[in-house]
Amino acid sequence: MFELNEGIYKFYVYILTNKNRTVLYTGVTGNLHQRLKEHVNKINPTSFTAKYNTCFLIYYEKFGWIQQAIEREKEIKLLKRNYKFELIRNVNPNLEFLNHLFQQAV
């Protein structure tokens, strides 16, 4: 995945999908582990991700500054669907679910 580590923090732009990989959701967060947990548990039951069951991570980028992450999120959100899939397939050709990369040991 793409990393830009100039800053001292960790921020992520991420793309989620549903089980059938038919819906895409792009977001930004400072704690991807916690944010994925919130999506999986449908913390906000009226949200887009809850409504369409998008809780499977298929793409992420890491940044050192929040401003960079927000700008990248906006860029990705402006992409047409086929270009989003092209972006994802460049690093995740089989659209594998990557949630396990951000699970913390209990």
PDB file of N, CA and C in Angstrom:
ATOM      1  N   MET A   1       0.831  -1.174   0.000  1.00  0.00           N
ATOM      2  CA  MET A   1       0.000   0.000   0.000  1.00  0.00           C
ATOM      3  C   MET A   1       0.881   1.244   0.000  1.00  0.00           C
ATOM      4  N   PHE A   2       0.303   2.355  -0.285  1.00  0.00           N
ATOM      5  CA  PHE A   2       1.009   3.623  -0.415  1.00  0.00           C
ATOM      6  C   PHE A   2       1.253   4.240   0.957  1.00  0.00           C
ATOM      7  N   GLU A   3       2.475   4.723   1.194  1.00  0.00           N
ATOM      8  CA  GLU A   3       2.795   5.382   2.466  1.00  0.00           C
ATOM      9  C   GLU A   3       3.546   6.680   2.209  1.00  0.00           C
ATOM     10  N   LEU A   4       3.116   7.720   2.907  1.00  0.00           N
ATOM     11  CA  LEU A   4       3.808   8.998   2.870  1.00  0.00           C
ATOM     12  C   LEU A   4       4.051   9.388   4.313  1.00  0.00           C
ATOM     13  N   ASN A   5       5.289   9.198   4.791  1.00  0.00           N
ATOM     14  CA  ASN A   5       5.599   9.318   6.216  1.00  0.00           C
ATOM     15  C   ASN A   5       6.382  10.571   6.579  1.00  0.00           C
ATOM     16  N   GLU A   6       6.105  11.688   5.955  1.00  0.00           N
ATOM     17  CA  GLU A   6       6.844  12.892   6.292  1.00  0.00           C
ATOM     18  C   GLU A   6       6.504  13.383   7.690  1.00  0.00           C
ATOM     19  N   GLY A   7       5.254  13.242   8.104  1.00  0.00           N
ATOM     20  CA  GLY A   7       4.804  13.753   9.387  1.00  0.00           C
ATOM     21  C   GLY A   7       5.116  12.792  10.520  1.00  0.00           C
ATOM     22  N   ILE A   8       4.676  13.172  11.691  1.00  0.00           N
ATOM     23  CA  ILE A   8       4.947  12.354  12.874  1.00  0.00           C
ATOM     24  C   ILE A   8       3.727  11.548  13.300  1.00  0.00           C
ATOM     25  N   TYR A   9       2.652  11.679  12.560  1.00  0.00           N
ATOM     26  CA  TYR A   9       1.408  10.996  12.917  1.00  0.00           C
ATOM     27  C   TYR A   9       1.084   9.930  11.889  1.00  0.00           C
ATOM     28  N   LYS A  10       0.006   9.182  12.137  1.00  0.00           N
ATOM     29  CA  LYS A  10      -0.470   8.187  11.182  1.00  0.00           C
ATOM     30  C   LYS A  10      -1.931   8.465  10.892  1.00  0.00           C
ATOM     31  N   PHE A  11      -2.202   8.744   9.633  1.00  0.00           N
ATOM     32  CA  PHE A  11      -3.569   8.919   9.171  1.00  0.00           C
ATOM     33  C   PHE A  11      -3.765   8.031   7.961  1.00  0.00           C
ATOM     34  N   TYR A  12      -4.957   7.522   7.815  1.00  0.00           N
ATOM     35  CA  TYR A  12      -5.238   6.582   6.742  1.00  0.00           C
ATOM     36  C   TYR A  12      -6.419   7.047   5.897  1.00  0.00           C
ATOM     37  N   VAL A  13      -6.276   6.888   4.597  1.00  0.00           N
ATOM     38  CA  VAL A  13      -7.394   6.955   3.670  1.00  0.00           C
ATOM     39  C   VAL A  13      -7.671   5.501   3.333  1.00  0.00           C
ATOM     40  N   TYR A  14      -8.932   5.123   3.380  1.00  0.00           N
ATOM     41  CA  TYR A  14      -9.251   3.710   3.189  1.00  0.00           C
ATOM     42  C   TYR A  14     -10.478   3.545   2.313  1.00  0.00           C
ATOM     43  N   ILE A  15     -10.566   2.385   1.682  1.00  0.00           N
ATOM     44  CA  ILE A  15     -11.734   2.040   0.884  1.00  0.00           C
ATOM     45  C   ILE A  15     -12.288   0.729   1.420  1.00  0.00           C
ATOM     46  N   LEU A  16     -13.580   0.755   1.698  1.00  0.00           N
ATOM     47  CA  LEU A  16     -14.297  -0.428   2.164  1.00  0.00           C
ATOM     48  C   LEU A  16     -15.228  -0.914   1.069  1.00  0.00           C
ATOM     49  N   THR A  17     -15.603  -2.170   1.170  1.00  0.00           N
ATOM     50  CA  THR A  17     -16.594  -2.743   0.266  1.00  0.00           C
ATOM     51  C   THR A  17     -17.505  -3.664   1.059  1.00  0.00           C
ATOM     52  N   ASN A  18     -18.511  -4.185   0.382  1.00  0.00           N
ATOM     53  CA  ASN A  18     -19.395  -5.165   1.012  1.00  0.00           C
ATOM     54  C   ASN A  18     -18.932  -6.574   0.645  1.00  0.00           C
ATOM     55  N   LYS A  19     -19.632  -7.569   1.143  1.00  0.00           N
ATOM     56  CA  LYS A  19     -19.230  -8.968   0.944  1.00  0.00           C
ATOM     57  C   LYS A  19     -19.097  -9.325  -0.537  1.00  0.00           C
ATOM     58  N   ASN A  20     -19.992  -8.809  -1.362  1.00  0.00           N
ATOM     59  CA  ASN A  20     -19.980  -9.126  -2.797  1.00  0.00           C
ATOM     60  C   ASN A  20     -19.116  -8.178  -3.621  1.00  0.00           C
ATOM     61  N   ARG A  21     -18.476  -7.240  -2.958  1.00  0.00           N
ATOM     62  CA  ARG A  21     -17.574  -6.276  -3.595  1.00  0.00           C
ATOM     63  C   ARG A  21     -18.299  -5.426  -4.648  1.00  0.00           C
ATOM     64  N   THR A  22     -19.525  -5.036  -4.359  1.00  0.00           N
ATOM     65  CA  THR A  22     -20.314  -4.241  -5.298  1.00  0.00           C
ATOM     66  C   THR A  22     -20.457  -2.779  -4.877  1.00  0.00           C
ATOM     67  N   VAL A  23     -20.143  -2.467  -3.623  1.00  0.00           N
ATOM     68  CA  VAL A  23     -20.269  -1.111  -3.098  1.00  0.00           C
ATOM     69  C   VAL A  23     -18.892  -0.645  -2.630  1.00  0.00           C
ATOM     70  N   LEU A  24     -18.571   0.625  -2.876  1.00  0.00           N
ATOM     71  CA  LEU A  24     -17.314   1.191  -2.412  1.00  0.00           C
ATOM     72  C   LEU A  24     -17.586   2.383  -1.510  1.00  0.00           C
ATOM     73  N   TYR A  25     -16.818   2.482  -0.441  1.00  0.00           N
ATOM     74  CA  TYR A  25     -16.898   3.612   0.484  1.00  0.00           C
ATOM     75  C   TYR A  25     -15.474   4.079   0.779  1.00  0.00           C
ATOM     76  N   THR A  26     -15.226   5.377   0.664  1.00  0.00           N
ATOM     77  CA  THR A  26     -13.914   5.947   0.943  1.00  0.00           C
ATOM     78  C   THR A  26     -13.996   6.813   2.193  1.00  0.00           C
ATOM     79  N   GLY A  27     -13.039   6.638   3.106  1.00  0.00           N
ATOM     80  CA  GLY A  27     -13.019   7.416   4.331  1.00  0.00           C
ATOM     81  C   GLY A  27     -11.607   7.762   4.751  1.00  0.00           C
ATOM     82  N   VAL A  28     -11.503   8.552   5.821  1.00  0.00           N
ATOM     83  CA  VAL A  28     -10.212   8.945   6.375  1.00  0.00           C
ATOM     84  C   VAL A  28     -10.293   8.813   7.895  1.00  0.00           C
ATOM     85  N   THR A  29      -9.198   8.397   8.518  1.00  0.00           N
ATOM     86  CA  THR A  29      -9.185   8.213   9.963  1.00  0.00           C
ATOM     87  C   THR A  29      -7.758   8.282  10.501  1.00  0.00           C
ATOM     88  N   GLY A  30      -7.647   8.524  11.784  1.00  0.00           N
ATOM     89  CA  GLY A  30      -6.361   8.494  12.463  1.00  0.00           C
ATOM     90  C   GLY A  30      -6.123   7.178  13.176  1.00  0.00           C
ATOM     91  N   ASN A  31      -7.138   6.315  13.221  1.00  0.00           N
ATOM     92  CA  ASN A  31      -7.025   5.019  13.892  1.00  0.00           C
ATOM     93  C   ASN A  31      -7.815   3.998  13.082  1.00  0.00           C
ATOM     94  N   LEU A  32      -7.151   3.364  12.142  1.00  0.00           N
ATOM     95  CA  LEU A  32      -7.846   2.454  11.229  1.00  0.00           C
ATOM     96  C   LEU A  32      -8.396   1.234  11.952  1.00  0.00           C
ATOM     97  N   HIS A  33      -7.684   0.737  12.921  1.00  0.00           N
ATOM     98  CA  HIS A  33      -8.178  -0.407  13.702  1.00  0.00           C
ATOM     99  C   HIS A  33      -9.524  -0.074  14.343  1.00  0.00           C
ATOM    100  N   GLN A  34      -9.589   1.038  15.033  1.00  0.00           N
ATOM    101  CA  GLN A  34     -10.815   1.441  15.718  1.00  0.00           C
ATOM    102  C   GLN A  34     -11.932   1.743  14.723  1.00  0.00           C
ATOM    103  N   ARG A  35     -11.592   2.408  13.634  1.00  0.00           N
ATOM    104  CA  ARG A  35     -12.610   2.778  12.649  1.00  0.00           C
ATOM    105  C   ARG A  35     -13.194   1.543  11.990  1.00  0.00           C
ATOM    106  N   LEU A  36     -12.379   0.552  11.683  1.00  0.00           N
ATOM    107  CA  LEU A  36     -12.898  -0.688  11.103  1.00  0.00           C
ATOM    108  C   LEU A  36     -13.843  -1.379  12.077  1.00  0.00           C
ATOM    109  N   LYS A  37     -13.460  -1.372  13.339  1.00  0.00           N
ATOM    110  CA  LYS A  37     -14.311  -1.965  14.375  1.00  0.00           C
ATOM    111  C   LYS A  37     -15.681  -1.271  14.406  1.00  0.00           C
ATOM    112  N   GLU A  38     -15.670   0.041  14.285  1.00  0.00           N
ATOM    113  CA  GLU A  38     -16.919   0.798  14.285  1.00  0.00           C
ATOM    114  C   GLU A  38     -17.775   0.451  13.066  1.00  0.00           C
ATOM    115  N   HIS A  39     -17.139   0.302  11.907  1.00  0.00           N
ATOM    116  CA  HIS A  39     -17.889  -0.085  10.708  1.00  0.00           C
ATOM    117  C   HIS A  39     -18.480  -1.483  10.859  1.00  0.00           C
ATOM    118  N   VAL A  40     -17.682  -2.418  11.337  1.00  0.00           N
ATOM    119  CA  VAL A  40     -18.148  -3.801  11.511  1.00  0.00           C
ATOM    120  C   VAL A  40     -19.319  -3.864  12.493  1.00  0.00           C
ATOM    121  N   ASN A  41     -19.228  -3.096  13.585  1.00  0.00           N
ATOM    122  CA  ASN A  41     -20.279  -3.110  14.615  1.00  0.00           C
ATOM    123  C   ASN A  41     -21.431  -2.151  14.328  1.00  0.00           C
ATOM    124  N   LYS A  42     -21.367  -1.473  13.195  1.00  0.00           N
ATOM    125  CA  LYS A  42     -22.434  -0.549  12.778  1.00  0.00           C
ATOM    126  C   LYS A  42     -22.798   0.440  13.888  1.00  0.00           C
ATOM    127  N   ILE A  43     -21.778   1.131  14.397  1.00  0.00           N
ATOM    128  CA  ILE A  43     -21.949   2.093  15.479  1.00  0.00           C
ATOM    129  C   ILE A  43     -23.013   3.139  15.125  1.00  0.00           C
ATOM    130  N   ASN A  44     -23.033   3.578  13.875  1.00  0.00           N
ATOM    131  CA  ASN A  44     -24.069   4.498  13.412  1.00  0.00           C
ATOM    132  C   ASN A  44     -24.983   3.732  12.454  1.00  0.00           C
ATOM    133  N   PRO A  45     -26.095   3.177  12.951  1.00  0.00           N
ATOM    134  CA  PRO A  45     -26.938   2.295  12.144  1.00  0.00           C
ATOM    135  C   PRO A  45     -27.603   2.954  10.935  1.00  0.00           C
ATOM    136  N   THR A  46     -27.618   4.279  10.881  1.00  0.00           N
ATOM    137  CA  THR A  46     -28.236   4.954   9.729  1.00  0.00           C
ATOM    138  C   THR A  46     -27.206   5.390   8.692  1.00  0.00           C
ATOM    139  N   SER A  47     -25.935   5.077   8.920  1.00  0.00           N
ATOM    140  CA  SER A  47     -24.877   5.502   8.006  1.00  0.00           C
ATOM    141  C   SER A  47     -24.897   4.705   6.705  1.00  0.00           C
ATOM    142  N   PHE A  48     -24.225   5.238   5.707  1.00  0.00           N
ATOM    143  CA  PHE A  48     -24.086   4.564   4.417  1.00  0.00           C
ATOM    144  C   PHE A  48     -23.471   3.182   4.581  1.00  0.00           C
ATOM    145  N   THR A  49     -22.396   3.118   5.379  1.00  0.00           N
ATOM    146  CA  THR A  49     -21.692   1.834   5.530  1.00  0.00           C
ATOM    147  C   THR A  49     -22.551   0.793   6.233  1.00  0.00           C
ATOM    148  N   ALA A  50     -23.373   1.212   7.182  1.00  0.00           N
ATOM    149  CA  ALA A  50     -24.264   0.274   7.864  1.00  0.00           C
ATOM    150  C   ALA A  50     -25.360  -0.194   6.906  1.00  0.00           C
ATOM    151  N   LYS A  51     -25.928   0.744   6.175  1.00  0.00           N
ATOM    152  CA  LYS A  51     -27.027   0.424   5.248  1.00  0.00           C
ATOM    153  C   LYS A  51     -26.596  -0.572   4.176  1.00  0.00           C
ATOM    154  N   TYR A  52     -25.373  -0.398   3.662  1.00  0.00           N
ATOM    155  CA  TYR A  52     -24.896  -1.257   2.571  1.00  0.00           C
ATOM    156  C   TYR A  52     -23.888  -2.305   3.026  1.00  0.00           C
ATOM    157  N   ASN A  53     -23.753  -2.487   4.331  1.00  0.00           N
ATOM    158  CA  ASN A  53     -22.867  -3.511   4.893  1.00  0.00           C
ATOM    159  C   ASN A  53     -21.443  -3.435   4.348  1.00  0.00           C
ATOM    160  N   THR A  54     -20.918  -2.231   4.286  1.00  0.00           N
ATOM    161  CA  THR A  54     -19.545  -2.051   3.802  1.00  0.00           C
ATOM    162  C   THR A  54     -18.605  -1.980   5.005  1.00  0.00           C
ATOM    163  N   CYS A  55     -18.001  -3.100   5.306  1.00  0.00           N
ATOM    164  CA  CYS A  55     -17.093  -3.172   6.453  1.00  0.00           C
ATOM    165  C   CYS A  55     -15.820  -3.950   6.125  1.00  0.00           C
ATOM    166  N   PHE A  56     -15.593  -4.225   4.842  1.00  0.00           N
ATOM    167  CA  PHE A  56     -14.431  -5.007   4.432  1.00  0.00           C
ATOM    168  C   PHE A  56     -13.391  -4.100   3.778  1.00  0.00           C
ATOM    169  N   LEU A  57     -12.234  -4.000   4.408  1.00  0.00           N
ATOM    170  CA  LEU A  57     -11.150  -3.156   3.913  1.00  0.00           C
ATOM    171  C   LEU A  57     -10.503  -3.800   2.694  1.00  0.00           C
ATOM    172  N   ILE A  58     -10.422  -3.042   1.588  1.00  0.00           N
ATOM    173  CA  ILE A  58      -9.745  -3.567   0.397  1.00  0.00           C
ATOM    174  C   ILE A  58      -8.607  -2.669  -0.066  1.00  0.00           C
ATOM    175  N   TYR A  59      -8.485  -1.475   0.545  1.00  0.00           N
ATOM    176  CA  TYR A  59      -7.429  -0.550   0.126  1.00  0.00           C
ATOM    177  C   TYR A  59      -7.191   0.466   1.230  1.00  0.00           C
ATOM    178  N   TYR A  60      -5.930   0.861   1.382  1.00  0.00           N
ATOM    179  CA  TYR A  60      -5.621   1.960   2.295  1.00  0.00           C
ATOM    180  C   TYR A  60      -4.318   2.631   1.886  1.00  0.00           C
ATOM    181  N   GLU A  61      -4.198   3.879   2.273  1.00  0.00           N
ATOM    182  CA  GLU A  61      -2.970   4.646   2.117  1.00  0.00           C
ATOM    183  C   GLU A  61      -2.675   5.277   3.468  1.00  0.00           C
ATOM    184  N   LYS A  62      -1.409   5.405   3.800  1.00  0.00           N
ATOM    185  CA  LYS A  62      -0.993   5.949   5.097  1.00  0.00           C
ATOM    186  C   LYS A  62      -0.272   7.281   4.884  1.00  0.00           C
ATOM    187  N   PHE A  63      -0.592   8.256   5.741  1.00  0.00           N
ATOM    188  CA  PHE A  63      -0.013   9.590   5.642  1.00  0.00           C
ATOM    189  C   PHE A  63       0.484  10.052   7.000  1.00  0.00           C
ATOM    190  N   GLY A  64       1.419  10.989   6.980  1.00  0.00           N
ATOM    191  CA  GLY A  64       1.957  11.553   8.211  1.00  0.00           C
ATOM    192  C   GLY A  64       1.231  12.808   8.663  1.00  0.00           C
ATOM    193  N   TRP A  65       0.447  13.392   7.782  1.00  0.00           N
ATOM    194  CA  TRP A  65      -0.268  14.625   8.107  1.00  0.00           C
ATOM    195  C   TRP A  65      -1.727  14.495   7.707  1.00  0.00           C
ATOM    196  N   ILE A  66      -2.634  14.975   8.546  1.00  0.00           N
ATOM    197  CA  ILE A  66      -4.070  14.877   8.281  1.00  0.00           C
ATOM    198  C   ILE A  66      -4.455  15.640   7.025  1.00  0.00           C
ATOM    199  N   GLN A  67      -3.817  16.772   6.764  1.00  0.00           N
ATOM    200  CA  GLN A  67      -4.153  17.561   5.585  1.00  0.00           C
ATOM    201  C   GLN A  67      -3.929  16.761   4.294  1.00  0.00           C
ATOM    202  N   GLN A  68      -2.834  15.996   4.273  1.00  0.00           N
ATOM    203  CA  GLN A  68      -2.545  15.162   3.103  1.00  0.00           C
ATOM    204  C   GLN A  68      -3.593  14.066   2.955  1.00  0.00           C
ATOM    205  N   ALA A  69      -3.977  13.473   4.062  1.00  0.00           N
ATOM    206  CA  ALA A  69      -4.964  12.393   4.028  1.00  0.00           C
ATOM    207  C   ALA A  69      -6.318  12.910   3.544  1.00  0.00           C
ATOM    208  N   ILE A  70      -6.730  14.057   4.046  1.00  0.00           N
ATOM    209  CA  ILE A  70      -8.012  14.626   3.635  1.00  0.00           C
ATOM    210  C   ILE A  70      -8.003  14.980   2.151  1.00  0.00           C
ATOM    211  N   GLU A  71      -6.911  15.550   1.691  1.00  0.00           N
ATOM    212  CA  GLU A  71      -6.800  15.900   0.274  1.00  0.00           C
ATOM    213  C   GLU A  71      -6.874  14.645  -0.597  1.00  0.00           C
ATOM    214  N   ARG A  72      -6.189  13.597  -0.179  1.00  0.00           N
ATOM    215  CA  ARG A  72      -6.212  12.343  -0.952  1.00  0.00           C
ATOM    216  C   ARG A  72      -7.602  11.717  -0.932  1.00  0.00           C
ATOM    217  N   GLU A  73      -8.281  11.772   0.212  1.00  0.00           N
ATOM    218  CA  GLU A  73      -9.641  11.242   0.283  1.00  0.00           C
ATOM    219  C   GLU A  73     -10.537  11.953  -0.732  1.00  0.00           C
ATOM    220  N   LYS A  74     -10.425  13.266  -0.808  1.00  0.00           N
ATOM    221  CA  LYS A  74     -11.218  14.043  -1.763  1.00  0.00           C
ATOM    222  C   LYS A  74     -10.904  13.630  -3.201  1.00  0.00           C
ATOM    223  N   GLU A  75      -9.615  13.429  -3.499  1.00  0.00           N
ATOM    224  CA  GLU A  75      -9.226  12.998  -4.842  1.00  0.00           C
ATOM    225  C   GLU A  75      -9.857  11.663  -5.203  1.00  0.00           C
ATOM    226  N   ILE A  76      -9.783  10.712  -4.279  1.00  0.00           N
ATOM    227  CA  ILE A  76     -10.326   9.376  -4.540  1.00  0.00           C
ATOM    228  C   ILE A  76     -11.834   9.442  -4.697  1.00  0.00           C
ATOM    229  N   LYS A  77     -12.504  10.224  -3.866  1.00  0.00           N
ATOM    230  CA  LYS A  77     -13.966  10.337  -3.956  1.00  0.00           C
ATOM    231  C   LYS A  77     -14.418  10.918  -5.287  1.00  0.00           C
ATOM    232  N   LEU A  78     -13.570  11.714  -5.930  1.00  0.00           N
ATOM    233  CA  LEU A  78     -13.912  12.286  -7.232  1.00  0.00           C
ATOM    234  C   LEU A  78     -13.709  11.306  -8.392  1.00  0.00           C
ATOM    235  N   LEU A  79     -12.977  10.227  -8.158  1.00  0.00           N
ATOM    236  CA  LEU A  79     -12.717   9.251  -9.220  1.00  0.00           C
ATOM    237  C   LEU A  79     -13.987   8.507  -9.596  1.00  0.00           C
ATOM    238  N   LYS A  80     -14.096   8.185 -10.872  1.00  0.00           N
ATOM    239  CA  LYS A  80     -15.190   7.319 -11.315  1.00  0.00           C
ATOM    240  C   LYS A  80     -14.919   5.916 -10.789  1.00  0.00           C
ATOM    241  N   ARG A  81     -15.974   5.150 -10.673  1.00  0.00           N
ATOM    242  CA  ARG A  81     -15.920   3.803 -10.099  1.00  0.00           C
ATOM    243  C   ARG A  81     -14.828   2.935 -10.737  1.00  0.00           C
ATOM    244  N   ASN A  82     -14.749   2.918 -12.052  1.00  0.00           N
ATOM    245  CA  ASN A  82     -13.764   2.054 -12.717  1.00  0.00           C
ATOM    246  C   ASN A  82     -12.333   2.467 -12.371  1.00  0.00           C
ATOM    247  N   TYR A  83     -12.092   3.772 -12.168  1.00  0.00           N
ATOM    248  CA  TYR A  83     -10.754   4.222 -11.778  1.00  0.00           C
ATOM    249  C   TYR A  83     -10.443   3.866 -10.324  1.00  0.00           C
ATOM    250  N   LYS A  84     -11.464   3.856  -9.489  1.00  0.00           N
ATOM    251  CA  LYS A  84     -11.255   3.414  -8.099  1.00  0.00           C
ATOM    252  C   LYS A  84     -10.840   1.948  -8.090  1.00  0.00           C
ATOM    253  N   PHE A  85     -11.524   1.136  -8.887  1.00  0.00           N
ATOM    254  CA  PHE A  85     -11.161  -0.279  -8.946  1.00  0.00           C
ATOM    255  C   PHE A  85      -9.760  -0.463  -9.530  1.00  0.00           C
ATOM    256  N   GLU A  86      -9.394   0.355 -10.486  1.00  0.00           N
ATOM    257  CA  GLU A  86      -8.037   0.291 -11.044  1.00  0.00           C
ATOM    258  C   GLU A  86      -7.006   0.621  -9.967  1.00  0.00           C
ATOM    259  N   LEU A  87      -7.267   1.668  -9.195  1.00  0.00           N
ATOM    260  CA  LEU A  87      -6.390   2.053  -8.086  1.00  0.00           C
ATOM    261  C   LEU A  87      -6.236   0.901  -7.095  1.00  0.00           C
ATOM    262  N   ILE A  88      -7.342   0.296  -6.716  1.00  0.00           N
ATOM    263  CA  ILE A  88      -7.331  -0.809  -5.753  1.00  0.00           C
ATOM    264  C   ILE A  88      -6.580  -2.006  -6.317  1.00  0.00           C
ATOM    265  N   ARG A  89      -6.888  -2.375  -7.552  1.00  0.00           N
ATOM    266  CA  ARG A  89      -6.278  -3.572  -8.157  1.00  0.00           C
ATOM    267  C   ARG A  89      -4.771  -3.427  -8.383  1.00  0.00           C
ATOM    268  N   ASN A  90      -4.266  -2.205  -8.425  1.00  0.00           N
ATOM    269  CA  ASN A  90      -2.811  -2.008  -8.565  1.00  0.00           C
ATOM    270  C   ASN A  90      -2.049  -2.563  -7.364  1.00  0.00           C
ATOM    271  N   VAL A  91      -2.676  -2.568  -6.199  1.00  0.00           N
ATOM    272  CA  VAL A  91      -2.008  -3.078  -4.995  1.00  0.00           C
ATOM    273  C   VAL A  91      -2.706  -4.298  -4.398  1.00  0.00           C
ATOM    274  N   ASN A  92      -3.932  -4.532  -4.799  1.00  0.00           N
ATOM    275  CA  ASN A  92      -4.722  -5.645  -4.275  1.00  0.00           C
ATOM    276  C   ASN A  92      -5.498  -6.268  -5.445  1.00  0.00           C
ATOM    277  N   PRO A  93      -4.789  -6.978  -6.330  1.00  0.00           N
ATOM    278  CA  PRO A  93      -5.378  -7.469  -7.583  1.00  0.00           C
ATOM    279  C   PRO A  93      -6.617  -8.355  -7.408  1.00  0.00           C
ATOM    280  N   ASN A  94      -6.686  -9.096  -6.330  1.00  0.00           N
ATOM    281  CA  ASN A  94      -7.816 -10.006  -6.118  1.00  0.00           C
ATOM    282  C   ASN A  94      -8.890  -9.423  -5.212  1.00  0.00           C
ATOM    283  N   LEU A  95      -8.764  -8.153  -4.875  1.00  0.00           N
ATOM    284  CA  LEU A  95      -9.716  -7.477  -3.990  1.00  0.00           C
ATOM    285  C   LEU A  95      -9.909  -8.256  -2.689  1.00  0.00           C
ATOM    286  N   GLU A  96      -8.797  -8.725  -2.146  1.00  0.00           N
ATOM    287  CA  GLU A  96      -8.852  -9.470  -0.881  1.00  0.00           C
ATOM    288  C   GLU A  96      -9.199  -8.531   0.265  1.00  0.00           C
ATOM    289  N   PHE A  97      -9.898  -9.072   1.250  1.00  0.00           N
ATOM    290  CA  PHE A  97     -10.230  -8.290   2.440  1.00  0.00           C
ATOM    291  C   PHE A  97      -8.977  -8.183   3.305  1.00  0.00           C
ATOM    292  N   LEU A  98      -8.678  -6.971   3.768  1.00  0.00           N
ATOM    293  CA  LEU A  98      -7.427  -6.705   4.491  1.00  0.00           C
ATOM    294  C   LEU A  98      -7.647  -6.374   5.966  1.00  0.00           C
ATOM    295  N   ASN A  99      -8.838  -6.577   6.473  1.00  0.00           N
ATOM    296  CA  ASN A  99      -9.146  -6.230   7.864  1.00  0.00           C
ATOM    297  C   ASN A  99      -8.169  -6.862   8.839  1.00  0.00           C
ATOM    298  N   HIS A 100      -7.716  -8.070   8.548  1.00  0.00           N
ATOM    299  CA  HIS A 100      -6.823  -8.785   9.458  1.00  0.00           C
ATOM    300  C   HIS A 100      -5.511  -8.025   9.703  1.00  0.00           C
ATOM    301  N   LEU A 101      -5.127  -7.152   8.791  1.00  0.00           N
ATOM    302  CA  LEU A 101      -3.894  -6.383   8.966  1.00  0.00           C
ATOM    303  C   LEU A 101      -3.999  -5.366  10.098  1.00  0.00           C
ATOM    304  N   PHE A 102      -5.233  -5.034  10.477  1.00  0.00           N
ATOM    305  CA  PHE A 102      -5.446  -3.996  11.505  1.00  0.00           C
ATOM    306  C   PHE A 102      -6.157  -4.533  12.745  1.00  0.00           C
ATOM    307  N   GLN A 103      -6.158  -5.844  12.908  1.00  0.00           N
ATOM    308  CA  GLN A 103      -6.718  -6.411  14.141  1.00  0.00           C
ATOM    309  C   GLN A 103      -5.607  -6.434  15.177  1.00  0.00           C
ATOM    310  N   GLN A 104      -5.964  -6.064  16.388  1.00  0.00           N
ATOM    311  CA  GLN A 104      -4.982  -6.056  17.464  1.00  0.00           C
ATOM    312  C   GLN A 104      -5.130  -7.339  18.270  1.00  0.00           C
ATOM    313  N   ALA A 105      -4.005  -7.841  18.731  1.00  0.00           N
ATOM    314  CA  ALA A 105      -4.019  -9.027  19.583  1.00  0.00           C
ATOM    315  C   ALA A 105      -4.701  -8.703  20.908  1.00  0.00           C
ATOM    316  N   VAL A 106      -5.493  -9.648  21.373  1.00  0.00           N
ATOM    317  CA  VAL A 106      -6.219  -9.448  22.632  1.00  0.00           C
ATOM    318  C   VAL A 106      -5.402  -9.985  23.790  1.00  0.00           C
TER     319      VAL A 106
END
